[in-house]
C-alpha atoms as a PDB file:
ATOM      1  CA  MET A   1       0.000   0.000   0.000  1.00  0.00           C
ATOM      2  CA  SER A   2       1.342   3.457  -0.871  1.00  0.00           C
ATOM      3  CA  SER A   3       2.132   5.955   1.882  1.00  0.00           C
ATOM      4  CA  VAL A   4      -0.722   8.246   0.819  1.00  0.00           C
ATOM      5  CA  ALA A   5      -3.250   5.390   0.741  1.00  0.00           C
ATOM      6  CA  LEU A   6      -2.051   4.102   4.120  1.00  0.00           C
ATOM      7  CA  PHE A   7      -2.253   7.597   5.635  1.00  0.00           C
ATOM      8  CA  PHE A   8      -5.824   8.218   4.486  1.00  0.00           C
ATOM      9  CA  SER A   9      -6.926   4.675   5.328  1.00  0.00           C
ATOM     10  CA  SER A  10      -5.522   5.023   8.849  1.00  0.00           C
ATOM     11  CA  PHE A  11      -7.005   8.505   9.265  1.00  0.00           C
ATOM     12  CA  GLY A  12     -10.439   7.351   8.064  1.00  0.00           C
ATOM     13  CA  LEU A  13     -10.538   4.201  10.175  1.00  0.00           C
ATOM     14  CA  ILE A  14      -9.524   6.020  13.343  1.00  0.00           C
ATOM     15  CA  PHE A  15     -11.822   9.005  12.710  1.00  0.00           C
ATOM     16  CA  LEU A  16     -14.841   6.740  12.173  1.00  0.00           C
ATOM     17  CA  GLY A  17     -13.839   4.524  15.107  1.00  0.00           C
ATOM     18  CA  GLU A  18     -13.610   7.548  17.401  1.00  0.00           C
ATOM     19  CA  LEU A  19     -17.037   9.004  16.529  1.00  0.00           C
ATOM     20  CA  PRO A  20     -19.168   6.794  18.811  1.00  0.00           C
ATOM     21  CA  ASP A  21     -16.387   6.598  21.397  1.00  0.00           C
ATOM     22  CA  LYS A  22     -16.299   7.418  25.108  1.00  0.00           C
ATOM     23  CA  THR A  23     -13.501   9.928  24.471  1.00  0.00           C
ATOM     24  CA  LEU A  24     -15.802  11.927  22.234  1.00  0.00           C
ATOM     25  CA  VAL A  25     -18.561  11.878  24.850  1.00  0.00           C
ATOM     26  CA  SER A  26     -16.031  12.897  27.534  1.00  0.00           C
ATOM     27  CA  SER A  27     -14.913  15.791  25.338  1.00  0.00           C
ATOM     28  CA  ILE A  28     -18.502  17.004  24.906  1.00  0.00           C
ATOM     29  CA  LEU A  29     -19.061  16.831  28.669  1.00  0.00           C
ATOM     30  CA  LEU A  30     -15.768  18.632  29.363  1.00  0.00           C
ATOM     31  CA  ALA A  31     -16.708  21.380  26.906  1.00  0.00           C
ATOM     32  CA  ARG A  32     -19.775  22.107  29.035  1.00  0.00           C
ATOM     33  CA  THR A  33     -17.474  23.148  31.876  1.00  0.00           C
ATOM     34  CA  PHE A  34     -14.253  24.344  30.264  1.00  0.00           C
ATOM     35  CA  SER A  35     -13.284  26.457  27.273  1.00  0.00           C
ATOM     36  CA  ARG A  36     -13.766  24.511  24.035  1.00  0.00           C
ATOM     37  CA  ARG A  37     -10.365  25.697  22.835  1.00  0.00           C
ATOM     38  CA  ILE A  38      -8.643  24.299  25.947  1.00  0.00           C
ATOM     39  CA  VAL A  39     -10.609  21.043  25.671  1.00  0.00           C
ATOM     40  CA  PHE A  40      -9.609  20.654  22.019  1.00  0.00           C
ATOM     41  CA  LEU A  41      -5.922  21.422  22.658  1.00  0.00           C
ATOM     42  CA  ALA A  42      -5.619  19.250  25.786  1.00  0.00           C
ATOM     43  CA  ALA A  43      -7.604  16.346  24.302  1.00  0.00           C
ATOM     44  CA  SER A  44      -5.582  16.497  21.085  1.00  0.00           C
ATOM     45  CA  ALA A  45      -2.305  16.492  23.040  1.00  0.00           C
ATOM     46  CA  ALA A  46      -3.454  13.431  25.022  1.00  0.00           C
ATOM     47  CA  LEU A  47      -4.563  11.664  21.845  1.00  0.00           C
ATOM     48  CA  PHE A  48      -1.277  12.417  20.065  1.00  0.00           C
ATOM     49  CA  LEU A  49       0.602  10.885  23.008  1.00  0.00           C
ATOM     50  CA  GLN A  50      -1.692   7.833  23.016  1.00  0.00           C
ATOM     51  CA  SER A  51      -1.153   7.409  19.269  1.00  0.00           C
ATOM     52  CA  ALA A  52       2.604   7.657  19.701  1.00  0.00           C
ATOM     53  CA  ILE A  53       2.496   4.982  22.405  1.00  0.00           C
ATOM     54  CA  ALA A  54       0.254   2.717  20.314  1.00  0.00           C
ATOM     55  CA  ALA A  55       2.471   3.130  17.261  1.00  0.00           C
ATOM     56  CA  SER A  56       5.630   2.520  19.299  1.00  0.00           C
ATOM     57  CA  VAL A  57       4.432  -0.819  20.625  1.00  0.00           C
ATOM     58  CA  GLY A  58       2.598  -1.871  17.443  1.00  0.00           C
ATOM     59  CA  SER A  59       5.202  -4.470  16.599  1.00  0.00           C
ATOM     60  CA  LEU A  60       4.381  -6.282  19.863  1.00  0.00           C
ATOM     61  CA  LEU A  61       0.790  -6.833  18.761  1.00  0.00           C
ATOM     62  CA  THR A  62       1.723  -9.949  16.846  1.00  0.00           C
ATOM     63  CA  HIS A  63       2.515 -11.608  20.205  1.00  0.00           C
ATOM     64  CA  LEU A  64      -0.791 -10.684  21.876  1.00  0.00           C
ATOM     65  CA  PRO A  65      -4.114 -12.483  21.472  1.00  0.00           C
ATOM     66  CA  THR A  66      -6.125  -9.760  19.719  1.00  0.00           C
ATOM     67  CA  ARG A  67      -9.438 -11.478  20.405  1.00  0.00           C
ATOM     68  CA  LEU A  68      -8.740 -11.342  24.149  1.00  0.00           C
ATOM     69  CA  VAL A  69      -7.902  -7.616  23.971  1.00  0.00           C
ATOM     70  CA  SER A  70     -11.044  -6.976  21.935  1.00  0.00           C
ATOM     71  CA  ASN A  71     -13.245  -8.967  24.341  1.00  0.00           C
ATOM     72  CA  LEU A  72     -11.873  -7.144  27.391  1.00  0.00           C
ATOM     73  CA  SER A  73     -12.398  -3.788  25.685  1.00  0.00           C
ATOM     74  CA  SER A  74     -15.978  -4.763  24.777  1.00  0.00           C
ATOM     75  CA  ALA A  75     -16.725  -5.856  28.337  1.00  0.00           C
ATOM     76  CA  ALA A  76     -15.339  -2.551  29.630  1.00  0.00           C
ATOM     77  CA  PHE A  77     -17.644  -0.638  27.248  1.00  0.00           C
ATOM     78  CA  ILE A  78     -20.672  -2.559  28.505  1.00  0.00           C
ATOM     79  CA  VAL A  79     -19.759  -2.058  32.178  1.00  0.00           C
ATOM     80  CA  LEU A  80     -19.139   1.669  31.646  1.00  0.00           C
ATOM     81  CA  GLY A  81     -22.424   1.970  29.747  1.00  0.00           C
ATOM     82  CA  LEU A  82     -24.354   0.254  32.550  1.00  0.00           C
ATOM     83  CA  PHE A  83     -22.671   2.510  35.117  1.00  0.00           C
ATOM     84  CA  LEU A  84     -23.699   5.613  33.148  1.00  0.00           C
ATOM     85  CA  ILE A  85     -27.290   4.347  32.958  1.00  0.00           C
ATOM     86  CA  TYR A  86     -27.254   3.741  36.719  1.00  0.00           C
ATOM     87  CA  ARG A  87     -26.016   7.287  37.352  1.00  0.00           C
ATOM     88  CA  ALA A  88     -28.543   8.850  34.988  1.00  0.00           C
ATOM     89  CA  ILE A  89     -31.518   6.885  36.353  1.00  0.00           C
ATOM     90  CA  ARG A  90     -30.511   7.449  39.967  1.00  0.00           C
ATOM     91  CA  GLY A  91     -30.441  11.147  39.190  1.00  0.00           C
ATOM     92  CA  ASP A  92     -29.970  12.389  42.739  1.00  0.00           C
ATOM     93  CA  GLU A  93     -29.938  16.168  42.692  1.00  0.00           C
ATOM     94  CA  GLU A  94     -27.315  16.162  45.412  1.00  0.00           C
ATOM     95  CA  GLU A  95     -25.007  13.938  43.388  1.00  0.00           C
ATOM     96  CA  GLU A  96     -22.258  15.774  41.606  1.00  0.00           C
ATOM     97  CA  SER A  97     -22.072  15.631  37.852  1.00  0.00           C
ATOM     98  CA  THR A  98     -19.263  13.568  36.367  1.00  0.00           C
ATOM     99  CA  ILE A  99     -17.190  16.611  35.405  1.00  0.00           C
ATOM    100  CA  ALA A 100     -17.901  18.456  38.678  1.00  0.00           C
ATOM    101  CA  SER A 101     -16.708  15.388  40.560  1.00  0.00           C
ATOM    102  CA  ILE A 102     -13.519  15.248  38.500  1.00  0.00           C
ATOM    103  CA  ARG A 103     -12.893  18.967  39.052  1.00  0.00           C
ATOM    104  CA  ARG A 104     -13.277  18.599  42.819  1.00  0.00           C
ATOM    105  CA  ARG A 105     -10.951  15.620  43.076  1.00  0.00           C
ATOM    106  CA  PHE A 106      -8.236  17.122  40.901  1.00  0.00           C
ATOM    107  CA  SER A 107      -8.696  20.801  41.728  1.00  0.00           C
ATOM    108  CA  SER A 108      -4.935  21.338  42.010  1.00  0.00           C
ATOM    109  CA  LEU A 109      -4.493  20.668  38.272  1.00  0.00           C
ATOM    110  CA  SER A 110      -4.881  23.390  35.669  1.00  0.00           C
ATOM    111  CA  PRO A 111      -7.806  22.833  33.268  1.00  0.00           C
ATOM    112  CA  PHE A 112      -5.398  21.831  30.475  1.00  0.00           C
ATOM    113  CA  TRP A 113      -3.723  19.077  32.505  1.00  0.00           C
ATOM    114  CA  LEU A 114      -7.009  17.946  34.029  1.00  0.00           C
ATOM    115  CA  ILE A 115      -8.541  17.490  30.570  1.00  0.00           C
ATOM    116  CA  PHE A 116      -5.328  15.908  29.293  1.00  0.00           C
ATOM    117  CA  ALA A 117      -5.434  13.340  32.137  1.00  0.00           C
ATOM    118  CA  VAL A 118      -9.139  12.553  31.689  1.00  0.00           C
ATOM    119  CA  VAL A 119      -8.814  11.990  27.928  1.00  0.00           C
ATOM    120  CA  PHE A 120      -5.525  10.097  28.215  1.00  0.00           C
ATOM    121  CA  VAL A 121      -6.973   7.662  30.769  1.00  0.00           C
ATOM    122  CA  ALA A 122     -10.238   7.312  28.806  1.00  0.00           C
ATOM    123  CA  GLU A 123      -8.294   6.319  25.696  1.00  0.00           C
ATOM    124  CA  ILE A 124      -6.245   3.525  27.338  1.00  0.00           C
ATOM    125  CA  GLY A 125      -7.179   0.178  25.806  1.00  0.00           C
ATOM    126  CA  ASP A 126      -9.568   1.823  23.369  1.00  0.00           C
ATOM    127  CA  ILE A 127     -10.558   0.144  20.102  1.00  0.00           C
ATOM    128  CA  THR A 128      -8.801   2.898  18.125  1.00  0.00           C
ATOM    129  CA  GLN A 129      -5.589   1.990  19.939  1.00  0.00           C
ATOM    130  CA  VAL A 130      -6.058  -1.638  18.890  1.00  0.00           C
ATOM    131  CA  VAL A 131      -6.652  -0.517  15.289  1.00  0.00           C
ATOM    132  CA  THR A 132      -3.503   1.639  15.377  1.00  0.00           C
ATOM    133  CA  LEU A 133      -1.484  -1.257  16.780  1.00  0.00           C
ATOM    134  CA  ASN A 134      -2.844  -3.566  14.078  1.00  0.00           C
ATOM    135  CA  LEU A 135      -2.018  -1.152  11.261  1.00  0.00           C
ATOM    136  CA  VAL A 136       1.524  -0.594  12.548  1.00  0.00           C
ATOM    137  CA  ALA A 137       2.055  -4.337  12.973  1.00  0.00           C
ATOM    138  CA  GLN A 138       0.764  -5.035   9.471  1.00  0.00           C
ATOM    139  CA  TYR A 139       2.475  -2.242   7.516  1.00  0.00           C
ATOM    140  CA  HIS A 140       5.532  -1.492   9.707  1.00  0.00           C
ATOM    141  CA  ARG A 141       5.044   2.271   9.280  1.00  0.00           C
ATOM    142  CA  ALA A 142       4.802   3.462  12.888  1.00  0.00           C
ATOM    143  CA  ILE A 143       5.334   7.201  12.307  1.00  0.00           C
ATOM    144  CA  LEU A 144       2.941   7.451   9.367  1.00  0.00           C
ATOM    145  CA  VAL A 145       0.182   5.397  10.989  1.00  0.00           C
ATOM    146  CA  GLY A 146       0.669   7.055  14.401  1.00  0.00           C
ATOM    147  CA  PHE A 147       0.434  10.545  12.889  1.00  0.00           C
ATOM    148  CA  ALA A 148      -2.645   9.653  10.810  1.00  0.00           C
ATOM    149  CA  SER A 149      -4.241   8.072  13.881  1.00  0.00           C
ATOM    150  CA  ALA A 150      -3.605  11.155  16.018  1.00  0.00           C
ATOM    151  CA  LEU A 151      -5.013  13.461  13.334  1.00  0.00           C
ATOM    152  CA  GLY A 152      -8.093  11.244  12.953  1.00  0.00           C
ATOM    153  CA  MET A 153      -8.789  11.362  16.687  1.00  0.00           C
ATOM    154  CA  SER A 154      -8.186  15.123  16.840  1.00  0.00           C
ATOM    155  CA  ALA A 155     -10.604  15.631  13.940  1.00  0.00           C
ATOM    156  CA  ALA A 156     -13.214  13.651  15.888  1.00  0.00           C
ATOM    157  CA  VAL A 157     -12.626  15.824  18.978  1.00  0.00           C
ATOM    158  CA  PHE A 158     -13.045  18.939  16.815  1.00  0.00           C
ATOM    159  CA  LEU A 159     -16.395  17.534  15.691  1.00  0.00           C
ATOM    160  CA  ALA A 160     -17.258  16.947  19.361  1.00  0.00           C
ATOM    161  CA  MET A 161     -16.544  20.625  20.110  1.00  0.00           C
ATOM    162  CA  VAL A 162     -18.971  21.620  17.357  1.00  0.00           C
ATOM    163  CA  ALA A 163     -21.540  19.156  18.724  1.00  0.00           C
ATOM    164  CA  SER A 164     -21.034  20.466  22.273  1.00  0.00           C
ATOM    165  CA  LYS A 165     -22.460  23.825  21.185  1.00  0.00           C
ATOM    166  CA  LEU A 166     -25.659  22.022  20.243  1.00  0.00           C
ATOM    167  CA  THR A 167     -25.846  20.165  23.568  1.00  0.00           C
ATOM    168  CA  ASP A 168     -25.351  23.132  25.905  1.00  0.00           C
ATOM    169  CA  ARG A 169     -29.029  23.148  26.897  1.00  0.00           C
ATOM    170  CA  ILE A 170     -29.324  19.368  27.316  1.00  0.00           C
ATOM    171  CA  GLU A 171     -28.975  18.015  30.842  1.00  0.00           C
ATOM    172  CA  GLU A 172     -25.806  15.985  31.435  1.00  0.00           C
ATOM    173  CA  LYS A 173     -27.776  12.898  32.476  1.00  0.00           C
ATOM    174  CA  TYR A 174     -29.356  12.664  29.009  1.00  0.00           C
ATOM    175  CA  ILE A 175     -25.954  12.906  27.341  1.00  0.00           C
ATOM    176  CA  GLU A 176     -24.694  10.181  29.696  1.00  0.00           C
ATOM    177  CA  LEU A 177     -27.707   7.992  28.817  1.00  0.00           C
ATOM    178  CA  ALA A 178     -27.018   8.417  25.096  1.00  0.00           C
ATOM    179  CA  ALA A 179     -23.344   7.622  25.711  1.00  0.00           C
ATOM    180  CA  ALA A 180     -24.325   4.547  27.737  1.00  0.00           C
ATOM    181  CA  VAL A 181     -26.486   3.182  24.930  1.00  0.00           C
ATOM    182  CA  ILE A 182     -23.684   3.730  22.388  1.00  0.00           C
ATOM    183  CA  LEU A 183     -21.105   2.014  24.623  1.00  0.00           C
ATOM    184  CA  ILE A 184     -23.321  -0.979  25.365  1.00  0.00           C
ATOM    185  CA  VAL A 185     -24.258  -1.441  21.702  1.00  0.00           C
ATOM    186  CA  LEU A 186     -20.588  -1.232  20.676  1.00  0.00           C
ATOM    187  CA  GLY A 187     -19.588  -3.720  23.359  1.00  0.00           C
ATOM    188  CA  VAL A 188     -22.333  -6.219  22.495  1.00  0.00           C
ATOM    189  CA  VAL A 189     -21.745  -5.962  18.733  1.00  0.00           C
ATOM    190  CA  THR A 190     -17.997  -6.529  19.183  1.00  0.00           C
ATOM    191  CA  LEU A 191     -18.533  -9.492  21.501  1.00  0.00           C
ATOM    192  CA  ILE A 192     -21.005 -11.052  19.041  1.00  0.00           C
ATOM    193  CA  GLY A 193     -18.564 -10.445  16.205  1.00  0.00           C
ATOM    194  CA  ASN A 194     -15.821 -12.205  18.172  1.00  0.00           C
ATOM    195  CA  LEU A 195     -18.005 -15.320  18.559  1.00  0.00           C
ATOM    196  CA  HIS A 196     -17.947 -15.920  14.792  1.00  0.00           C
END
């Protein structure tokens, strides 16, 4: 595959893979509390680092059971989705929102580093990381694939910032419910796919 074709294939796969992702939902929620510019810059920095890590260890993927990684990731999506549904249904007015809770616990961090940490942790073990690892392992082009992957994820975060303007008037619990449904569906579909 040519470098240009590999770049755009990697970019497209990662961008589409990131659209229904928890990182995108986290970015929308963060943009309700922090400046969209800071959210975009901090999230992009975290995603570039995650892509660099994924690309750097891509050659090790051939030694790992990919089905196991995929199954664990799917199970994590389902558990996170169920937790979000629980939080949204419980709906205690006294309960802090997800982002308010994060802000309180990590109040010593600047908004940039707080957002960076949230997005970086949210992206660990993500399906887009597995895709990046697979592409690097298959084509042995770590820098090209890693850069395309990072740009694809950043483009998805930019789209999330645009979407966050539309969700400003929607209560956080409804966004969490929508995110929960997406995560559970993704997890179930992946698990079913792994059975075949």
